């Protein structure tokens, strides 16, 4: 089956964003008068729960707080606004090889897409900060976590991306940095390349087609097609 598309996760895969997310959470907590401060170890543990609102809810359960003690959606919106502002201040860079891989893929006639748990404003902010362009000018297909019923490791967001691409999973490769992302891609029938990030180096990547420090280790577009899975017969 021919390779037709590359589908990228965002946070940790396109860029090392998680420290900026952690800073945005902590600054938002302080501004809202909450005495919460997530350390790196706290955040590494919380990243096992996908989605910012769910991480806040998880933290509240850890503190034995009632689920309605805080307006979680409002708190998360404030965090997203702060994250977008922080990203606009600069300092965030794409991971090694990402810009070149995307440019080469497009030149080769492949479609590049996004399948992410994060929200669309975060995707747009990253693309403006790192590419200097709106997300939909770079990625014709974008599927975000707030568009599906279940976040990663469920396959929903990858299935949505494949539906919008109008291709079978055997014609695409996924790029992830975490075990939750890998499990999501695998459940959608996609072969997955993993580039562990700062917070995910200790994850279990069993089932990945390959695990490399970054995409510069892949050997170019011509090395990707052999990684495609065998078409399913069920």
Foldseek 3Di string as FASTA:
>chain_A
DAAAEEEEEDDQFFWPCVVLLLVLLQVLCVVVPHPDHQDLVNVLVLVVPFDDLVSVQVVCVVVVHDSVPDPSVVSVVSSLVSSLVVLVVADIETDPPNVVQLVQCVVVNHAYEYQYADDLSVQQSNCCSYVVDGPCVSHVYYFYNVVFDDHFVAQTSVVRRCVVVVDQQLNYEYEEAAPRVLSNSVNSVHAYEYQHGPSHPPHDNPRHLYYDVHCVPQPGPVSCNVSGDDDDDD
